[in-house]
Amino acid sequence: MAEIESDLTLIGLWQSPFVLRARIALNIKNLQYVFHEEKFGTKSELLLK
């Protein structure tokens, strides 16, 4: 699968209802975004920026 070039980045767990709601809204608006899955209980450098 090709990487998408986008200014939007969504960070979270795929199981989260909040992330699911955001993904649905982004897809309805046809916005390109990059999804980075974050492990529960840890914070990546991207999240801490």
PDB file of N, CA and C in Angstrom:
ATOM      1  N   MET A   1       0.842  -1.181   0.000  1.00  0.00           N
ATOM      2  CA  MET A   1       0.000   0.000   0.000  1.00  0.00           C
ATOM      3  C   MET A   1       0.885   1.241   0.000  1.00  0.00           C
ATOM      4  N   ALA A   2       0.566   2.210  -0.785  1.00  0.00           N
ATOM      5  CA  ALA A   2       1.368   3.420  -0.920  1.00  0.00           C
ATOM      6  C   ALA A   2       1.135   4.363   0.256  1.00  0.00           C
ATOM      7  N   GLU A   3       2.191   5.080   0.608  1.00  0.00           N
ATOM      8  CA  GLU A   3       2.082   6.080   1.661  1.00  0.00           C
ATOM      9  C   GLU A   3       1.335   7.299   1.130  1.00  0.00           C
ATOM     10  N   ILE A   4       0.503   7.873   1.957  1.00  0.00           N
ATOM     11  CA  ILE A   4      -0.274   9.053   1.593  1.00  0.00           C
ATOM     12  C   ILE A   4       0.472  10.289   2.099  1.00  0.00           C
ATOM     13  N   GLU A   5       0.653  11.270   1.227  1.00  0.00           N
ATOM     14  CA  GLU A   5       1.235  12.548   1.626  1.00  0.00           C
ATOM     15  C   GLU A   5       0.098  13.430   2.136  1.00  0.00           C
ATOM     16  N   SER A   6       0.161  13.794   3.410  1.00  0.00           N
ATOM     17  CA  SER A   6      -0.923  14.573   3.983  1.00  0.00           C
ATOM     18  C   SER A   6      -0.423  15.425   5.136  1.00  0.00           C
ATOM     19  N   ASP A   7      -1.128  16.535   5.376  1.00  0.00           N
ATOM     20  CA  ASP A   7      -0.832  17.377   6.527  1.00  0.00           C
ATOM     21  C   ASP A   7      -1.574  16.892   7.763  1.00  0.00           C
ATOM     22  N   LEU A   8      -2.589  16.064   7.573  1.00  0.00           N
ATOM     23  CA  LEU A   8      -3.383  15.556   8.691  1.00  0.00           C
ATOM     24  C   LEU A   8      -2.815  14.237   9.192  1.00  0.00           C
ATOM     25  N   THR A   9      -2.629  14.153  10.497  1.00  0.00           N
ATOM     26  CA  THR A   9      -2.162  12.924  11.115  1.00  0.00           C
ATOM     27  C   THR A   9      -3.105  12.584  12.254  1.00  0.00           C
ATOM     28  N   LEU A  10      -3.617  11.372  12.244  1.00  0.00           N
ATOM     29  CA  LEU A  10      -4.499  10.889  13.296  1.00  0.00           C
ATOM     30  C   LEU A  10      -3.726   9.853  14.099  1.00  0.00           C
ATOM     31  N   ILE A  11      -3.650  10.069  15.412  1.00  0.00           N
ATOM     32  CA  ILE A  11      -2.896   9.177  16.287  1.00  0.00           C
ATOM     33  C   ILE A  11      -3.858   8.557  17.281  1.00  0.00           C
ATOM     34  N   GLY A  12      -3.786   7.231  17.444  1.00  0.00           N
ATOM     35  CA  GLY A  12      -4.636   6.582  18.428  1.00  0.00           C
ATOM     36  C   GLY A  12      -4.710   5.088  18.229  1.00  0.00           C
ATOM     37  N   LEU A  13      -5.590   4.453  18.975  1.00  0.00           N
ATOM     38  CA  LEU A  13      -5.850   3.021  18.863  1.00  0.00           C
ATOM     39  C   LEU A  13      -7.004   2.805  17.903  1.00  0.00           C
ATOM     40  N   TRP A  14      -6.902   1.808  17.054  1.00  0.00           N
ATOM     41  CA  TRP A  14      -7.976   1.582  16.084  1.00  0.00           C
ATOM     42  C   TRP A  14      -9.263   1.165  16.783  1.00  0.00           C
ATOM     43  N   GLN A  15      -9.184   0.607  18.001  1.00  0.00           N
ATOM     44  CA  GLN A  15     -10.381   0.165  18.717  1.00  0.00           C
ATOM     45  C   GLN A  15     -11.124   1.310  19.403  1.00  0.00           C
ATOM     46  N   SER A  16     -10.481   2.453  19.534  1.00  0.00           N
ATOM     47  CA  SER A  16     -11.061   3.572  20.261  1.00  0.00           C
ATOM     48  C   SER A  16     -12.284   4.138  19.541  1.00  0.00           C
ATOM     49  N   PRO A  17     -13.399   4.321  20.257  1.00  0.00           N
ATOM     50  CA  PRO A  17     -14.579   4.909  19.619  1.00  0.00           C
ATOM     51  C   PRO A  17     -14.335   6.358  19.195  1.00  0.00           C
ATOM     52  N   PHE A  18     -13.433   7.053  19.877  1.00  0.00           N
ATOM     53  CA  PHE A  18     -13.122   8.438  19.531  1.00  0.00           C
ATOM     54  C   PHE A  18     -12.324   8.504  18.231  1.00  0.00           C
ATOM     55  N   VAL A  19     -11.384   7.588  18.066  1.00  0.00           N
ATOM     56  CA  VAL A  19     -10.607   7.517  16.826  1.00  0.00           C
ATOM     57  C   VAL A  19     -11.511   7.087  15.679  1.00  0.00           C
ATOM     58  N   LEU A  20     -12.389   6.135  15.939  1.00  0.00           N
ATOM     59  CA  LEU A  20     -13.320   5.676  14.909  1.00  0.00           C
ATOM     60  C   LEU A  20     -14.207   6.824  14.433  1.00  0.00           C
ATOM     61  N   ARG A  21     -14.686   7.627  15.361  1.00  0.00           N
ATOM     62  CA  ARG A  21     -15.529   8.776  15.006  1.00  0.00           C
ATOM     63  C   ARG A  21     -14.750   9.776  14.146  1.00  0.00           C
ATOM     64  N   ALA A  22     -13.503  10.029  14.513  1.00  0.00           N
ATOM     65  CA  ALA A  22     -12.673  10.953  13.733  1.00  0.00           C
ATOM     66  C   ALA A  22     -12.395  10.400  12.342  1.00  0.00           C
ATOM     67  N   ARG A  23     -12.121   9.091  12.230  1.00  0.00           N
ATOM     68  CA  ARG A  23     -11.854   8.480  10.925  1.00  0.00           C
ATOM     69  C   ARG A  23     -13.085   8.544  10.024  1.00  0.00           C
ATOM     70  N   ILE A  24     -14.256   8.307  10.595  1.00  0.00           N
ATOM     71  CA  ILE A  24     -15.496   8.389   9.818  1.00  0.00           C
ATOM     72  C   ILE A  24     -15.690   9.811   9.298  1.00  0.00           C
ATOM     73  N   ALA A  25     -15.487  10.806  10.168  1.00  0.00           N
ATOM     74  CA  ALA A  25     -15.659  12.205   9.760  1.00  0.00           C
ATOM     75  C   ALA A  25     -14.670  12.589   8.663  1.00  0.00           C
ATOM     76  N   LEU A  26     -13.420  12.160   8.786  1.00  0.00           N
ATOM     77  CA  LEU A  26     -12.419  12.473   7.764  1.00  0.00           C
ATOM     78  C   LEU A  26     -12.765  11.813   6.435  1.00  0.00           C
ATOM     79  N   ASN A  27     -13.263  10.584   6.485  1.00  0.00           N
ATOM     80  CA  ASN A  27     -13.647   9.890   5.253  1.00  0.00           C
ATOM     81  C   ASN A  27     -14.878  10.515   4.604  1.00  0.00           C
ATOM     82  N   ILE A  28     -15.842  10.949   5.398  1.00  0.00           N
ATOM     83  CA  ILE A  28     -17.037  11.602   4.850  1.00  0.00           C
ATOM     84  C   ILE A  28     -16.648  12.889   4.127  1.00  0.00           C
ATOM     85  N   LYS A  29     -15.693  13.622   4.708  1.00  0.00           N
ATOM     86  CA  LYS A  29     -15.250  14.879   4.100  1.00  0.00           C
ATOM     87  C   LYS A  29     -14.199  14.672   3.014  1.00  0.00           C
ATOM     88  N   ASN A  30     -13.873  13.408   2.717  1.00  0.00           N
ATOM     89  CA  ASN A  30     -12.876  13.065   1.689  1.00  0.00           C
ATOM     90  C   ASN A  30     -11.530  13.743   1.929  1.00  0.00           C
ATOM     91  N   LEU A  31     -11.101  13.783   3.187  1.00  0.00           N
ATOM     92  CA  LEU A  31      -9.808  14.358   3.536  1.00  0.00           C
ATOM     93  C   LEU A  31      -8.763  13.253   3.629  1.00  0.00           C
ATOM     94  N   GLN A  32      -7.600  13.510   3.061  1.00  0.00           N
ATOM     95  CA  GLN A  32      -6.493  12.562   3.135  1.00  0.00           C
ATOM     96  C   GLN A  32      -5.834  12.704   4.507  1.00  0.00           C
ATOM     97  N   TYR A  33      -5.533  11.595   5.148  1.00  0.00           N
ATOM     98  CA  TYR A  33      -4.869  11.627   6.447  1.00  0.00           C
ATOM     99  C   TYR A  33      -3.984  10.401   6.593  1.00  0.00           C
ATOM    100  N   VAL A  34      -3.055  10.508   7.517  1.00  0.00           N
ATOM    101  CA  VAL A  34      -2.171   9.397   7.843  1.00  0.00           C
ATOM    102  C   VAL A  34      -2.541   8.934   9.246  1.00  0.00           C
ATOM    103  N   PHE A  35      -2.746   7.637   9.417  1.00  0.00           N
ATOM    104  CA  PHE A  35      -3.100   7.086  10.715  1.00  0.00           C
ATOM    105  C   PHE A  35      -1.887   6.401  11.320  1.00  0.00           C
ATOM    106  N   HIS A  36      -1.528   6.822  12.535  1.00  0.00           N
ATOM    107  CA  HIS A  36      -0.437   6.197  13.276  1.00  0.00           C
ATOM    108  C   HIS A  36      -1.040   5.539  14.506  1.00  0.00           C
ATOM    109  N   GLU A  37      -0.910   4.224  14.571  1.00  0.00           N
ATOM    110  CA  GLU A  37      -1.453   3.513  15.723  1.00  0.00           C
ATOM    111  C   GLU A  37      -0.502   3.655  16.905  1.00  0.00           C
ATOM    112  N   GLU A  38      -1.061   4.047  18.027  1.00  0.00           N
ATOM    113  CA  GLU A  38      -0.300   4.253  19.251  1.00  0.00           C
ATOM    114  C   GLU A  38      -0.607   3.107  20.206  1.00  0.00           C
ATOM    115  N   LYS A  39       0.415   2.544  20.802  1.00  0.00           N
ATOM    116  CA  LYS A  39       0.202   1.470  21.770  1.00  0.00           C
ATOM    117  C   LYS A  39      -0.355   2.065  23.059  1.00  0.00           C
ATOM    118  N   PHE A  40      -1.282   1.342  23.673  1.00  0.00           N
ATOM    119  CA  PHE A  40      -1.925   1.810  24.897  1.00  0.00           C
ATOM    120  C   PHE A  40      -0.891   1.924  26.016  1.00  0.00           C
ATOM    121  N   GLY A  41      -0.867   3.055  26.684  1.00  0.00           N
ATOM    122  CA  GLY A  41       0.026   3.248  27.814  1.00  0.00           C
ATOM    123  C   GLY A  41       1.391   3.812  27.467  1.00  0.00           C
ATOM    124  N   THR A  42       1.706   3.957  26.187  1.00  0.00           N
ATOM    125  CA  THR A  42       2.991   4.537  25.797  1.00  0.00           C
ATOM    126  C   THR A  42       2.746   5.785  24.964  1.00  0.00           C
ATOM    127  N   LYS A  43       3.722   6.655  24.960  1.00  0.00           N
ATOM    128  CA  LYS A  43       3.609   7.884  24.179  1.00  0.00           C
ATOM    129  C   LYS A  43       4.819   7.989  23.265  1.00  0.00           C
ATOM    130  N   SER A  44       4.566   8.041  21.973  1.00  0.00           N
ATOM    131  CA  SER A  44       5.645   8.153  21.002  1.00  0.00           C
ATOM    132  C   SER A  44       6.133   9.594  20.921  1.00  0.00           C
ATOM    133  N   GLU A  45       7.259   9.773  20.247  1.00  0.00           N
ATOM    134  CA  GLU A  45       7.800  11.119  20.043  1.00  0.00           C
ATOM    135  C   GLU A  45       6.829  11.990  19.245  1.00  0.00           C
ATOM    136  N   LEU A  46       6.135  11.385  18.277  1.00  0.00           N
ATOM    137  CA  LEU A  46       5.173  12.139  17.470  1.00  0.00           C
ATOM    138  C   LEU A  46       4.045  12.685  18.342  1.00  0.00           C
ATOM    139  N   LEU A  47       3.583  11.904  19.282  1.00  0.00           N
ATOM    140  CA  LEU A  47       2.502  12.331  20.171  1.00  0.00           C
ATOM    141  C   LEU A  47       2.970  13.436  21.118  1.00  0.00           C
ATOM    142  N   LEU A  48       4.221  13.382  21.527  1.00  0.00           N
ATOM    143  CA  LEU A  48       4.745  14.360  22.479  1.00  0.00           C
ATOM    144  C   LEU A  48       5.122  15.692  21.842  1.00  0.00           C
ATOM    145  N   LYS A  49       5.130  15.783  20.516  1.00  0.00           N
ATOM    146  CA  LYS A  49       5.474  17.050  19.832  1.00  0.00           C
ATOM    147  C   LYS A  49       4.424  18.103  20.075  1.00  0.00           C
TER     148      LYS A  49
END
